Every structure is written in C-alpha cells, then in structure tokens.
Amino acid sequence: MQLDVVNSQNEKVGALELRDEVFGGRVSDALIWESVVHANAAEHRGTHATKNRALVAGSGRKPWKQKGTGRARVGEIRNPLWRKGGTVFGPQPRSYDYALPRKVKRGALRAALTAKLQDGAVTVVDALRASEVKTKAAVEMLARLGVGDGRTLLVDVHPDDKLVLAVRNLPHVAFVPAARLGAREVVAAARVVTTQAALERLQQALG
C-alpha cells in the first residue's frame, strides 16, 4: 500500500510505502472492542462510597436490654436493618482499571489504523507545525488538508507546542503523540492526519 505525502498546502511532496503484513490484514472488531472497553474502564472514576455501620453517625449504646422487653434484640441504632443505619456491602472507592495484554493493545491499534486506511480517512503530511499560536490559522490549514467538521485526530512523534495551543480550543480536534496513541482515539475520529515520521514509527512498533 502506498500513500501520498503532502505538505501543509496539500501539495504532494513524496510517497510512503506501507507494509501489507502490518496494515494489509483483516480488521478485527473484537480486538478494537476490547481495547476501547479497557480505555474507558481505566478512566472510570471509582469515587462512589457508602457508609457502613462503623462510619454512619449514631451512638453505639445498646438501645434496650437484651431480654425481657418483648422486642427484638438489637445492639445499636447503626444496625443495617434500621432506618438510617449502615449499608451492607455497599460500593466503595476502587479502580476499574485492569491489565490488558500488550499484544491485544497493539493488535487493536493495528486493526483501527487498517480500517481508517481502507476507508481512505488517513492523510499523511510531512510535518505538523504552526508558525504562530492562532486558532484561525490552524483551522485554515486543516481545511486545506481536506478536514471537515467531523472529529479529527492529529498524530505526531513530538507534537508542536504552538500547534497544540492553536487547536486546543477546537472541540472536534485532538492532538495525540504517536507513543500514546490507542485504538479508541483512532476509531472515534472521522479523519486521521498523521506525519510521515509518526506513521513510520507506528509501522515499526506494530510490525
């Protein structure tokens, strides 16, 4: 597979050869699904909490004596059976993250990129840089590259600081370093704009 390499003016300046053994295989939706679920779980804030009988407010004194009253025995008003008592086995703060095999992560990213390449939704540029921190200039550059109103993913080995600041106010544009790229970011984007160096780095890592 061969892709054209363009500059910021959308003029062809070269070509990039992609290996079929990396980006020419079958797209595995199952791998992509596993990677997306793992990424969502890792960001899940497990801050939920309930009070058990040790944490709920109230006295620990026995309300009445054990025998002779005719009423059921009870040890304290914080009893979980009572109203305003503690909660039994309620949710507690925890992390929803779990270990995902490295091969699954790489396979999911390879499948996601392959799907975008097959759909023709990948644009390869020689560099992603900005001469000044201006959102208007960044929007004009993306328009020249054929990027529409859909969600756009920018990928570079080392993102340019000025361009990062220029696109941070655009809600539909995300800038991700190649080393931190995951399948979720790829499948969520309608268009992927990557530098030649970043795509070569990904091809080497996923090969």
N, C-alpha and C. Protein backbone atom coordinates (compact mmCIF):
# COMPACT_ATOMS: atom_id res chain seq x y z
N MET A 1 0.85 -1.18 0.00
CA MET A 1 0.00 0.00 0.00
C MET A 1 0.89 1.25 0.00
N GLN A 2 0.57 2.19 -0.85
CA GLN A 2 1.35 3.41 -0.96
C GLN A 2 0.46 4.62 -0.73
N LEU A 3 0.93 5.53 0.12
CA LEU A 3 0.18 6.73 0.43
C LEU A 3 0.97 7.96 0.01
N ASP A 4 0.25 8.97 -0.46
CA ASP A 4 0.89 10.23 -0.82
C ASP A 4 1.21 11.03 0.44
N VAL A 5 2.35 11.69 0.41
CA VAL A 5 2.75 12.57 1.50
C VAL A 5 2.61 14.00 0.99
N VAL A 6 1.84 14.81 1.72
CA VAL A 6 1.58 16.19 1.30
C VAL A 6 2.15 17.16 2.34
N ASN A 7 2.22 18.42 1.94
CA ASN A 7 2.64 19.45 2.87
C ASN A 7 1.42 20.18 3.43
N SER A 8 1.64 21.26 4.14
CA SER A 8 0.53 22.00 4.75
C SER A 8 -0.38 22.66 3.73
N GLN A 9 0.09 22.78 2.48
CA GLN A 9 -0.72 23.35 1.40
C GLN A 9 -1.44 22.26 0.61
N ASN A 10 -1.36 21.04 1.08
CA ASN A 10 -1.97 19.87 0.43
C ASN A 10 -1.36 19.61 -0.95
N GLU A 11 -0.06 19.86 -1.04
CA GLU A 11 0.67 19.58 -2.27
C GLU A 11 1.53 18.35 -2.06
N LYS A 12 1.50 17.43 -3.01
CA LYS A 12 2.24 16.19 -2.88
C LYS A 12 3.74 16.47 -2.90
N VAL A 13 4.42 15.93 -1.88
CA VAL A 13 5.87 16.12 -1.78
C VAL A 13 6.62 14.79 -1.69
N GLY A 14 5.88 13.68 -1.70
CA GLY A 14 6.53 12.37 -1.62
C GLY A 14 5.52 11.27 -1.49
N ALA A 15 6.02 10.08 -1.18
CA ALA A 15 5.16 8.90 -1.02
C ALA A 15 5.70 8.04 0.11
N LEU A 16 4.80 7.30 0.73
CA LEU A 16 5.15 6.42 1.84
C LEU A 16 4.63 5.02 1.55
N GLU A 17 5.53 4.05 1.64
CA GLU A 17 5.16 2.65 1.38
C GLU A 17 4.84 1.98 2.71
N LEU A 18 3.64 1.40 2.80
CA LEU A 18 3.22 0.68 3.99
C LEU A 18 3.26 -0.81 3.73
N ARG A 19 3.73 -1.54 4.71
CA ARG A 19 3.87 -3.00 4.55
C ARG A 19 2.52 -3.67 4.69
N ASP A 20 2.24 -4.59 3.79
CA ASP A 20 0.96 -5.30 3.81
C ASP A 20 0.83 -6.19 5.03
N GLU A 21 1.95 -6.70 5.54
CA GLU A 21 1.86 -7.58 6.71
C GLU A 21 1.48 -6.81 7.97
N VAL A 22 1.56 -5.48 7.92
CA VAL A 22 1.17 -4.65 9.08
C VAL A 22 -0.23 -4.08 8.88
N PHE A 23 -0.46 -3.44 7.75
CA PHE A 23 -1.72 -2.75 7.52
C PHE A 23 -2.54 -3.37 6.39
N GLY A 24 -2.25 -4.58 6.04
CA GLY A 24 -3.00 -5.21 4.96
C GLY A 24 -3.83 -6.39 5.39
N GLY A 25 -3.91 -6.63 6.68
CA GLY A 25 -4.65 -7.80 7.17
C GLY A 25 -6.12 -7.53 7.40
N ARG A 26 -6.78 -8.51 7.99
CA ARG A 26 -8.20 -8.40 8.28
C ARG A 26 -8.40 -7.53 9.53
N VAL A 27 -9.44 -6.74 9.50
CA VAL A 27 -9.75 -5.86 10.64
C VAL A 27 -10.53 -6.66 11.68
N SER A 28 -9.97 -6.75 12.88
CA SER A 28 -10.61 -7.49 13.97
C SER A 28 -11.40 -6.53 14.84
N ASP A 29 -12.72 -6.58 14.71
CA ASP A 29 -13.57 -5.72 15.53
C ASP A 29 -13.52 -6.11 17.00
N ALA A 30 -13.26 -7.40 17.27
CA ALA A 30 -13.22 -7.86 18.66
C ALA A 30 -12.03 -7.25 19.40
N LEU A 31 -10.88 -7.15 18.75
CA LEU A 31 -9.72 -6.55 19.38
C LEU A 31 -9.96 -5.06 19.65
N ILE A 32 -10.56 -4.38 18.69
CA ILE A 32 -10.85 -2.96 18.87
C ILE A 32 -11.81 -2.77 20.03
N TRP A 33 -12.82 -3.61 20.11
CA TRP A 33 -13.80 -3.51 21.20
C TRP A 33 -13.13 -3.70 22.55
N GLU A 34 -12.25 -4.71 22.67
CA GLU A 34 -11.57 -4.95 23.94
C GLU A 34 -10.71 -3.76 24.34
N SER A 35 -10.02 -3.17 23.38
CA SER A 35 -9.15 -2.03 23.69
C SER A 35 -9.96 -0.81 24.10
N VAL A 36 -11.08 -0.56 23.44
CA VAL A 36 -11.92 0.59 23.78
C VAL A 36 -12.53 0.42 25.17
N VAL A 37 -13.01 -0.78 25.48
CA VAL A 37 -13.59 -1.04 26.80
C VAL A 37 -12.54 -0.85 27.89
N HIS A 38 -11.31 -1.32 27.62
CA HIS A 38 -10.23 -1.16 28.60
C HIS A 38 -9.89 0.32 28.81
N ALA A 39 -9.83 1.09 27.73
CA ALA A 39 -9.52 2.51 27.86
C ALA A 39 -10.61 3.24 28.64
N ASN A 40 -11.86 2.90 28.39
CA ASN A 40 -12.96 3.53 29.13
C ASN A 40 -12.93 3.15 30.61
N ALA A 41 -12.62 1.89 30.89
CA ALA A 41 -12.57 1.44 32.28
C ALA A 41 -11.43 2.11 33.04
N ALA A 42 -10.30 2.33 32.36
CA ALA A 42 -9.16 2.97 33.02
C ALA A 42 -9.47 4.40 33.42
N GLU A 43 -10.36 5.07 32.69
CA GLU A 43 -10.72 6.44 33.01
C GLU A 43 -11.95 6.54 33.92
N HIS A 44 -12.55 5.42 34.25
CA HIS A 44 -13.73 5.41 35.12
C HIS A 44 -13.32 5.85 36.53
N ARG A 45 -13.92 6.91 37.02
CA ARG A 45 -13.60 7.40 38.35
C ARG A 45 -14.41 6.64 39.38
N GLY A 46 -13.76 5.75 40.08
CA GLY A 46 -14.45 4.95 41.09
C GLY A 46 -14.49 5.65 42.44
N THR A 47 -15.14 6.80 42.49
CA THR A 47 -15.19 7.59 43.72
C THR A 47 -16.47 7.34 44.53
N HIS A 48 -17.27 6.38 44.10
CA HIS A 48 -18.52 6.10 44.82
C HIS A 48 -18.20 5.51 46.20
N ALA A 49 -19.04 5.83 47.17
CA ALA A 49 -18.81 5.33 48.53
C ALA A 49 -20.10 5.38 49.32
N THR A 50 -20.29 4.36 50.17
CA THR A 50 -21.40 4.34 51.11
C THR A 50 -20.85 4.09 52.51
N LYS A 51 -21.60 4.48 53.52
CA LYS A 51 -21.16 4.31 54.91
C LYS A 51 -21.68 2.99 55.48
N ASN A 52 -20.76 2.23 56.04
CA ASN A 52 -21.19 1.01 56.73
C ASN A 52 -21.53 1.34 58.19
N ARG A 53 -21.78 0.35 59.00
CA ARG A 53 -22.23 0.60 60.37
C ARG A 53 -21.12 1.23 61.22
N ALA A 54 -19.89 1.12 60.78
CA ALA A 54 -18.79 1.74 61.52
C ALA A 54 -18.63 3.22 61.20
N LEU A 55 -19.12 3.66 60.03
CA LEU A 55 -18.93 5.03 59.60
C LEU A 55 -20.17 5.91 59.78
N VAL A 56 -21.36 5.32 59.84
CA VAL A 56 -22.57 6.12 59.94
C VAL A 56 -22.66 6.76 61.33
N ALA A 57 -23.23 7.96 61.38
CA ALA A 57 -23.34 8.68 62.65
C ALA A 57 -24.37 8.02 63.56
N GLY A 58 -24.10 8.03 64.85
CA GLY A 58 -25.04 7.47 65.79
C GLY A 58 -24.33 6.86 66.99
N SER A 59 -25.06 6.63 68.03
CA SER A 59 -24.49 6.09 69.25
C SER A 59 -24.26 4.58 69.13
N GLY A 60 -23.28 4.10 69.85
CA GLY A 60 -23.03 2.67 69.89
C GLY A 60 -23.63 2.01 71.12
N ARG A 61 -24.43 2.76 71.86
CA ARG A 61 -25.04 2.21 73.08
C ARG A 61 -26.19 1.29 72.72
N LYS A 62 -26.34 0.26 73.48
CA LYS A 62 -27.43 -0.68 73.26
C LYS A 62 -28.75 0.00 73.64
N PRO A 63 -29.73 0.09 72.71
CA PRO A 63 -30.98 0.83 72.99
C PRO A 63 -31.76 0.30 74.18
N TRP A 64 -31.82 -0.99 74.32
CA TRP A 64 -32.51 -1.59 75.46
C TRP A 64 -31.84 -2.90 75.81
N LYS A 65 -32.21 -3.45 76.94
CA LYS A 65 -31.55 -4.67 77.39
C LYS A 65 -31.90 -5.83 76.48
N GLN A 66 -31.09 -6.86 76.57
CA GLN A 66 -31.20 -7.97 75.64
C GLN A 66 -32.51 -8.74 75.82
N LYS A 67 -32.92 -8.96 77.04
CA LYS A 67 -34.10 -9.81 77.29
C LYS A 67 -35.12 -9.09 78.17
N GLY A 68 -36.35 -9.58 78.08
CA GLY A 68 -37.37 -9.12 78.99
C GLY A 68 -38.24 -8.00 78.49
N THR A 69 -37.95 -7.39 77.36
CA THR A 69 -38.77 -6.28 76.88
C THR A 69 -39.83 -6.73 75.89
N GLY A 70 -39.70 -7.91 75.34
CA GLY A 70 -40.65 -8.38 74.33
C GLY A 70 -40.31 -7.93 72.93
N ARG A 71 -39.32 -7.06 72.81
CA ARG A 71 -38.93 -6.58 71.48
C ARG A 71 -37.72 -7.35 70.97
N ALA A 72 -37.47 -7.19 69.69
CA ALA A 72 -36.35 -7.90 69.09
C ALA A 72 -35.04 -7.37 69.65
N ARG A 73 -34.06 -8.24 69.76
CA ARG A 73 -32.76 -7.84 70.30
C ARG A 73 -32.05 -6.95 69.27
N VAL A 74 -31.34 -5.96 69.75
CA VAL A 74 -30.61 -5.05 68.89
C VAL A 74 -29.41 -4.52 69.66
N GLY A 75 -28.33 -4.31 68.95
CA GLY A 75 -27.11 -3.89 69.62
C GLY A 75 -26.85 -2.40 69.55
N GLU A 76 -27.26 -1.73 68.47
CA GLU A 76 -27.02 -0.30 68.32
C GLU A 76 -27.96 0.26 67.27
N ILE A 77 -28.13 1.57 67.27
CA ILE A 77 -29.04 2.19 66.31
C ILE A 77 -28.44 2.26 64.92
N ARG A 78 -27.12 1.97 64.78
CA ARG A 78 -26.48 1.97 63.48
C ARG A 78 -26.62 0.63 62.78
N ASN A 79 -27.48 -0.20 63.34
CA ASN A 79 -27.76 -1.51 62.77
C ASN A 79 -28.20 -1.37 61.30
N PRO A 80 -27.66 -2.13 60.37
CA PRO A 80 -28.07 -2.01 58.96
C PRO A 80 -29.55 -2.30 58.72
N LEU A 81 -30.22 -2.99 59.66
CA LEU A 81 -31.64 -3.28 59.48
C LEU A 81 -32.52 -2.08 59.83
N TRP A 82 -31.95 -1.12 60.51
CA TRP A 82 -32.72 0.03 60.93
C TRP A 82 -32.63 1.16 59.91
N ARG A 83 -33.65 2.02 59.93
CA ARG A 83 -33.63 3.22 59.10
C ARG A 83 -32.47 4.12 59.52
N LYS A 84 -31.76 4.67 58.54
CA LYS A 84 -30.56 5.49 58.75
C LYS A 84 -29.40 4.68 59.31
N GLY A 85 -29.49 3.38 59.21
CA GLY A 85 -28.38 2.55 59.64
C GLY A 85 -27.33 2.42 58.55
N GLY A 86 -26.31 1.63 58.82
CA GLY A 86 -25.23 1.44 57.86
C GLY A 86 -25.66 0.60 56.67
N THR A 87 -24.90 0.70 55.60
CA THR A 87 -25.16 -0.07 54.38
C THR A 87 -24.25 -1.29 54.36
N VAL A 88 -24.83 -2.41 54.02
CA VAL A 88 -24.08 -3.66 53.97
C VAL A 88 -23.60 -3.90 52.54
N PHE A 89 -22.31 -4.14 52.39
CA PHE A 89 -21.70 -4.45 51.09
C PHE A 89 -21.99 -3.37 50.03
N GLY A 90 -21.99 -2.12 50.46
CA GLY A 90 -22.21 -1.03 49.52
C GLY A 90 -20.95 -0.74 48.70
N PRO A 91 -21.08 0.07 47.65
CA PRO A 91 -19.92 0.39 46.82
C PRO A 91 -18.89 1.21 47.60
N GLN A 92 -17.63 0.91 47.34
CA GLN A 92 -16.52 1.60 47.96
C GLN A 92 -15.57 2.11 46.88
N PRO A 93 -14.80 3.14 47.15
CA PRO A 93 -13.85 3.66 46.14
C PRO A 93 -12.91 2.57 45.64
N ARG A 94 -12.79 2.47 44.33
CA ARG A 94 -11.91 1.47 43.74
C ARG A 94 -11.56 1.88 42.32
N SER A 95 -10.59 1.23 41.78
CA SER A 95 -10.17 1.47 40.40
C SER A 95 -10.80 0.42 39.49
N TYR A 96 -11.31 0.86 38.35
CA TYR A 96 -11.90 -0.05 37.38
C TYR A 96 -10.88 -0.52 36.34
N ASP A 97 -9.65 -0.06 36.47
CA ASP A 97 -8.61 -0.44 35.51
C ASP A 97 -8.25 -1.90 35.69
N TYR A 98 -7.83 -2.52 34.61
CA TYR A 98 -7.39 -3.91 34.66
C TYR A 98 -6.31 -4.12 33.61
N ALA A 99 -5.58 -5.19 33.74
CA ALA A 99 -4.46 -5.47 32.85
C ALA A 99 -4.97 -5.99 31.51
N LEU A 100 -4.45 -5.42 30.43
CA LEU A 100 -4.78 -5.88 29.09
C LEU A 100 -3.48 -6.28 28.41
N PRO A 101 -3.42 -7.46 27.82
CA PRO A 101 -2.17 -7.90 27.20
C PRO A 101 -1.66 -6.91 26.16
N ARG A 102 -0.35 -6.77 26.10
CA ARG A 102 0.26 -5.83 25.17
C ARG A 102 -0.05 -6.20 23.72
N LYS A 103 -0.13 -7.50 23.45
CA LYS A 103 -0.43 -7.94 22.09
C LYS A 103 -1.84 -7.51 21.68
N VAL A 104 -2.75 -7.50 22.63
CA VAL A 104 -4.12 -7.08 22.33
C VAL A 104 -4.15 -5.59 22.02
N LYS A 105 -3.41 -4.79 22.79
CA LYS A 105 -3.37 -3.34 22.53
C LYS A 105 -2.78 -3.05 21.16
N ARG A 106 -1.66 -3.71 20.84
CA ARG A 106 -1.03 -3.48 19.54
C ARG A 106 -1.93 -3.97 18.41
N GLY A 107 -2.54 -5.12 18.60
CA GLY A 107 -3.44 -5.65 17.56
C GLY A 107 -4.64 -4.77 17.33
N ALA A 108 -5.18 -4.19 18.41
CA ALA A 108 -6.34 -3.31 18.28
C ALA A 108 -5.96 -2.02 17.55
N LEU A 109 -4.81 -1.45 17.89
CA LEU A 109 -4.36 -0.23 17.21
C LEU A 109 -4.07 -0.51 15.74
N ARG A 110 -3.46 -1.64 15.46
CA ARG A 110 -3.18 -2.01 14.07
C ARG A 110 -4.49 -2.18 13.28
N ALA A 111 -5.48 -2.81 13.91
CA ALA A 111 -6.77 -3.01 13.24
C ALA A 111 -7.49 -1.69 13.01
N ALA A 112 -7.44 -0.79 14.01
CA ALA A 112 -8.11 0.52 13.88
C ALA A 112 -7.47 1.35 12.76
N LEU A 113 -6.14 1.36 12.71
CA LEU A 113 -5.47 2.10 11.65
C LEU A 113 -5.73 1.48 10.28
N THR A 114 -5.77 0.16 10.23
CA THR A 114 -6.06 -0.52 8.97
C THR A 114 -7.44 -0.15 8.45
N ALA A 115 -8.41 -0.10 9.36
CA ALA A 115 -9.78 0.27 8.95
C ALA A 115 -9.82 1.70 8.40
N LYS A 116 -9.10 2.62 9.04
CA LYS A 116 -9.07 4.00 8.55
C LYS A 116 -8.36 4.09 7.20
N LEU A 117 -7.30 3.31 7.02
CA LEU A 117 -6.60 3.32 5.74
C LEU A 117 -7.47 2.76 4.63
N GLN A 118 -8.22 1.71 4.93
CA GLN A 118 -9.12 1.14 3.94
C GLN A 118 -10.24 2.09 3.56
N ASP A 119 -10.66 2.90 4.51
CA ASP A 119 -11.72 3.87 4.24
C ASP A 119 -11.19 5.15 3.59
N GLY A 120 -9.88 5.26 3.44
CA GLY A 120 -9.31 6.47 2.87
C GLY A 120 -9.42 7.67 3.78
N ALA A 121 -9.43 7.44 5.08
CA ALA A 121 -9.62 8.53 6.05
C ALA A 121 -8.31 8.94 6.71
N VAL A 122 -7.18 8.62 6.08
CA VAL A 122 -5.87 8.96 6.66
C VAL A 122 -5.14 9.90 5.71
N THR A 123 -4.67 11.00 6.23
CA THR A 123 -3.87 11.96 5.48
C THR A 123 -2.48 12.01 6.08
N VAL A 124 -1.47 11.83 5.23
CA VAL A 124 -0.08 11.84 5.69
C VAL A 124 0.57 13.15 5.25
N VAL A 125 1.12 13.87 6.20
CA VAL A 125 1.78 15.15 5.91
C VAL A 125 3.25 15.04 6.30
N ASP A 126 4.05 15.91 5.71
CA ASP A 126 5.48 15.88 6.02
C ASP A 126 5.76 16.44 7.41
N ALA A 127 4.94 17.39 7.86
CA ALA A 127 5.13 17.97 9.19
C ALA A 127 3.84 18.63 9.64
N LEU A 128 3.64 18.66 10.96
CA LEU A 128 2.51 19.35 11.58
C LEU A 128 3.07 20.43 12.49
N ARG A 129 3.23 21.63 11.93
CA ARG A 129 3.81 22.73 12.69
C ARG A 129 3.00 24.00 12.44
N ALA A 130 3.12 24.92 13.37
CA ALA A 130 2.46 26.22 13.26
C ALA A 130 3.48 27.31 13.53
N SER A 131 3.44 28.35 12.72
CA SER A 131 4.38 29.46 12.89
C SER A 131 3.95 30.40 14.01
N GLU A 132 2.66 30.36 14.35
CA GLU A 132 2.15 31.21 15.42
C GLU A 132 0.98 30.52 16.10
N VAL A 133 0.71 30.94 17.31
CA VAL A 133 -0.39 30.34 18.08
C VAL A 133 -1.67 31.06 17.74
N LYS A 134 -2.31 30.65 16.64
CA LYS A 134 -3.57 31.23 16.22
C LYS A 134 -4.50 30.12 15.75
N THR A 135 -5.69 30.06 16.37
CA THR A 135 -6.65 29.03 16.02
C THR A 135 -7.13 29.18 14.58
N LYS A 136 -7.30 30.42 14.15
CA LYS A 136 -7.78 30.65 12.78
C LYS A 136 -6.81 30.08 11.76
N ALA A 137 -5.52 30.25 11.98
CA ALA A 137 -4.53 29.70 11.06
C ALA A 137 -4.55 28.18 11.06
N ALA A 138 -4.77 27.59 12.24
CA ALA A 138 -4.84 26.13 12.33
C ALA A 138 -6.07 25.60 11.60
N VAL A 139 -7.19 26.30 11.73
CA VAL A 139 -8.42 25.88 11.03
C VAL A 139 -8.22 25.96 9.52
N GLU A 140 -7.57 27.00 9.06
CA GLU A 140 -7.32 27.14 7.62
C GLU A 140 -6.40 26.03 7.11
N MET A 141 -5.39 25.67 7.89
CA MET A 141 -4.50 24.59 7.49
C MET A 141 -5.25 23.26 7.40
N LEU A 142 -6.09 22.97 8.39
CA LEU A 142 -6.87 21.73 8.37
C LEU A 142 -7.85 21.71 7.20
N ALA A 143 -8.41 22.87 6.87
CA ALA A 143 -9.33 22.95 5.73
C ALA A 143 -8.60 22.64 4.43
N ARG A 144 -7.37 23.12 4.31
CA ARG A 144 -6.59 22.83 3.10
C ARG A 144 -6.27 21.34 2.98
N LEU A 145 -6.15 20.69 4.13
CA LEU A 145 -5.86 19.25 4.12
C LEU A 145 -7.12 18.40 3.92
N GLY A 146 -8.25 19.04 3.74
CA GLY A 146 -9.48 18.31 3.48
C GLY A 146 -10.20 17.82 4.71
N VAL A 147 -9.89 18.42 5.85
CA VAL A 147 -10.54 18.03 7.09
C VAL A 147 -11.85 18.78 7.22
N GLY A 148 -12.94 18.05 7.45
CA GLY A 148 -14.26 18.66 7.58
C GLY A 148 -14.59 19.00 9.02
N ASP A 149 -15.90 19.01 9.30
CA ASP A 149 -16.37 19.35 10.64
C ASP A 149 -16.36 18.17 11.59
N GLY A 150 -16.10 16.97 11.07
CA GLY A 150 -16.08 15.80 11.94
C GLY A 150 -14.87 15.78 12.85
N ARG A 151 -14.85 14.83 13.76
CA ARG A 151 -13.75 14.72 14.72
C ARG A 151 -12.46 14.37 13.99
N THR A 152 -11.42 15.12 14.29
CA THR A 152 -10.13 14.95 13.62
C THR A 152 -9.07 14.59 14.64
N LEU A 153 -8.23 13.64 14.29
CA LEU A 153 -7.13 13.20 15.14
C LEU A 153 -5.81 13.58 14.49
N LEU A 154 -5.00 14.35 15.19
CA LEU A 154 -3.67 14.73 14.73
C LEU A 154 -2.64 13.89 15.47
N VAL A 155 -1.71 13.30 14.73
CA VAL A 155 -0.72 12.41 15.32
C VAL A 155 0.66 12.85 14.87
N ASP A 156 1.57 12.97 15.83
CA ASP A 156 2.96 13.31 15.52
C ASP A 156 3.85 12.65 16.57
N VAL A 157 5.11 12.46 16.23
CA VAL A 157 6.04 11.86 17.19
C VAL A 157 6.22 12.79 18.38
N HIS A 158 6.52 14.05 18.10
CA HIS A 158 6.63 15.07 19.13
C HIS A 158 5.74 16.25 18.71
N PRO A 159 4.53 16.36 19.22
CA PRO A 159 3.61 17.42 18.81
C PRO A 159 4.22 18.81 18.99
N ASP A 160 3.99 19.64 17.99
CA ASP A 160 4.48 21.02 18.02
C ASP A 160 3.69 21.81 19.07
N ASP A 161 4.41 22.49 19.96
CA ASP A 161 3.77 23.21 21.06
C ASP A 161 2.83 24.29 20.56
N LYS A 162 3.23 25.02 19.53
CA LYS A 162 2.40 26.10 19.02
C LYS A 162 1.12 25.57 18.40
N LEU A 163 1.24 24.46 17.67
CA LEU A 163 0.03 23.89 17.06
C LEU A 163 -0.89 23.29 18.11
N VAL A 164 -0.32 22.71 19.15
CA VAL A 164 -1.14 22.17 20.24
C VAL A 164 -1.97 23.28 20.88
N LEU A 165 -1.35 24.43 21.11
CA LEU A 165 -2.08 25.56 21.69
C LEU A 165 -3.09 26.13 20.71
N ALA A 166 -2.78 26.05 19.41
CA ALA A 166 -3.68 26.62 18.41
C ALA A 166 -4.95 25.80 18.24
N VAL A 167 -4.88 24.49 18.45
CA VAL A 167 -6.06 23.64 18.20
C VAL A 167 -6.77 23.24 19.49
N ARG A 168 -6.27 23.67 20.63
CA ARG A 168 -6.88 23.20 21.88
C ARG A 168 -8.29 23.76 22.08
N ASN A 169 -8.63 24.87 21.41
CA ASN A 169 -9.97 25.42 21.52
C ASN A 169 -10.95 24.81 20.53
N LEU A 170 -10.47 23.91 19.68
CA LEU A 170 -11.34 23.26 18.71
C LEU A 170 -11.87 21.96 19.33
N PRO A 171 -13.17 21.88 19.60
CA PRO A 171 -13.69 20.70 20.30
C PRO A 171 -13.62 19.42 19.49
N HIS A 172 -13.50 19.53 18.17
CA HIS A 172 -13.51 18.34 17.33
C HIS A 172 -12.11 17.92 16.90
N VAL A 173 -11.07 18.53 17.46
CA VAL A 173 -9.69 18.22 17.09
C VAL A 173 -8.94 17.75 18.33
N ALA A 174 -8.22 16.62 18.20
CA ALA A 174 -7.39 16.08 19.27
C ALA A 174 -5.99 15.85 18.74
N PHE A 175 -4.99 16.20 19.53
CA PHE A 175 -3.59 16.04 19.14
C PHE A 175 -2.97 15.02 20.10
N VAL A 176 -2.50 13.89 19.56
CA VAL A 176 -2.00 12.80 20.39
C VAL A 176 -0.60 12.41 19.92
N PRO A 177 0.36 12.25 20.82
CA PRO A 177 1.67 11.74 20.42
C PRO A 177 1.56 10.29 19.94
N ALA A 178 2.42 9.91 19.02
CA ALA A 178 2.35 8.56 18.46
C ALA A 178 2.57 7.49 19.52
N ALA A 179 3.40 7.78 20.51
CA ALA A 179 3.69 6.78 21.55
C ALA A 179 2.49 6.54 22.46
N ARG A 180 1.55 7.48 22.53
CA ARG A 180 0.39 7.33 23.40
C ARG A 180 -0.90 7.06 22.63
N LEU A 181 -0.77 6.78 21.36
CA LEU A 181 -1.96 6.55 20.53
C LEU A 181 -2.58 5.20 20.84
N GLY A 182 -3.91 5.19 20.95
CA GLY A 182 -4.65 3.96 21.20
C GLY A 182 -5.76 3.77 20.19
N ALA A 183 -6.34 2.57 20.18
CA ALA A 183 -7.40 2.27 19.22
C ALA A 183 -8.62 3.15 19.44
N ARG A 184 -8.91 3.52 20.68
CA ARG A 184 -10.10 4.32 20.95
C ARG A 184 -10.02 5.68 20.27
N GLU A 185 -8.85 6.32 20.31
CA GLU A 185 -8.70 7.62 19.67
C GLU A 185 -8.86 7.52 18.15
N VAL A 186 -8.39 6.41 17.59
CA VAL A 186 -8.46 6.24 16.14
C VAL A 186 -9.90 6.02 15.68
N VAL A 187 -10.61 5.11 16.33
CA VAL A 187 -11.97 4.78 15.88
C VAL A 187 -12.94 5.93 16.16
N ALA A 188 -12.62 6.80 17.13
CA ALA A 188 -13.52 7.91 17.44
C ALA A 188 -13.38 9.05 16.45
N ALA A 189 -12.31 9.06 15.66
CA ALA A 189 -12.06 10.15 14.72
C ALA A 189 -12.63 9.83 13.35
N ALA A 190 -13.17 10.86 12.72
CA ALA A 190 -13.64 10.71 11.35
C ALA A 190 -12.49 10.84 10.36
N ARG A 191 -11.45 11.56 10.76
CA ARG A 191 -10.29 11.79 9.90
C ARG A 191 -9.02 11.75 10.73
N VAL A 192 -8.00 11.08 10.23
CA VAL A 192 -6.71 10.98 10.92
C VAL A 192 -5.67 11.70 10.07
N VAL A 193 -5.03 12.69 10.65
CA VAL A 193 -3.93 13.42 9.99
C VAL A 193 -2.66 13.10 10.76
N THR A 194 -1.74 12.42 10.12
CA THR A 194 -0.51 11.99 10.79
C THR A 194 0.70 12.42 9.99
N THR A 195 1.79 12.66 10.68
CA THR A 195 3.03 12.96 9.99
C THR A 195 3.66 11.68 9.46
N GLN A 196 4.52 11.83 8.49
CA GLN A 196 5.20 10.67 7.93
C GLN A 196 6.06 9.97 8.99
N ALA A 197 6.72 10.75 9.82
CA ALA A 197 7.56 10.16 10.86
C ALA A 197 6.73 9.37 11.87
N ALA A 198 5.55 9.88 12.22
CA ALA A 198 4.70 9.18 13.18
C ALA A 198 4.18 7.87 12.61
N LEU A 199 3.76 7.87 11.34
CA LEU A 199 3.24 6.65 10.74
C LEU A 199 4.35 5.62 10.56
N GLU A 200 5.54 6.06 10.23
CA GLU A 200 6.67 5.14 10.15
C GLU A 200 7.00 4.55 11.51
N ARG A 201 6.93 5.38 12.55
CA ARG A 201 7.16 4.88 13.91
C ARG A 201 6.10 3.86 14.31
N LEU A 202 4.85 4.13 13.98
CA LEU A 202 3.78 3.18 14.30
C LEU A 202 3.94 1.89 13.52
N GLN A 203 4.33 1.99 12.25
CA GLN A 203 4.52 0.79 11.45
C GLN A 203 5.63 -0.08 12.02
N GLN A 204 6.68 0.54 12.51
CA GLN A 204 7.78 -0.20 13.11
C GLN A 204 7.36 -0.84 14.41
N ALA A 205 6.57 -0.13 15.21
CA ALA A 205 6.16 -0.66 16.51
C ALA A 205 5.12 -1.76 16.38
N LEU A 206 4.26 -1.67 15.37
CA LEU A 206 3.18 -2.63 15.19
C LEU A 206 3.55 -3.80 14.31
N GLY A 207 4.72 -3.75 13.70
CA GLY A 207 5.14 -4.80 12.78
C GLY A 207 5.53 -6.10 13.48
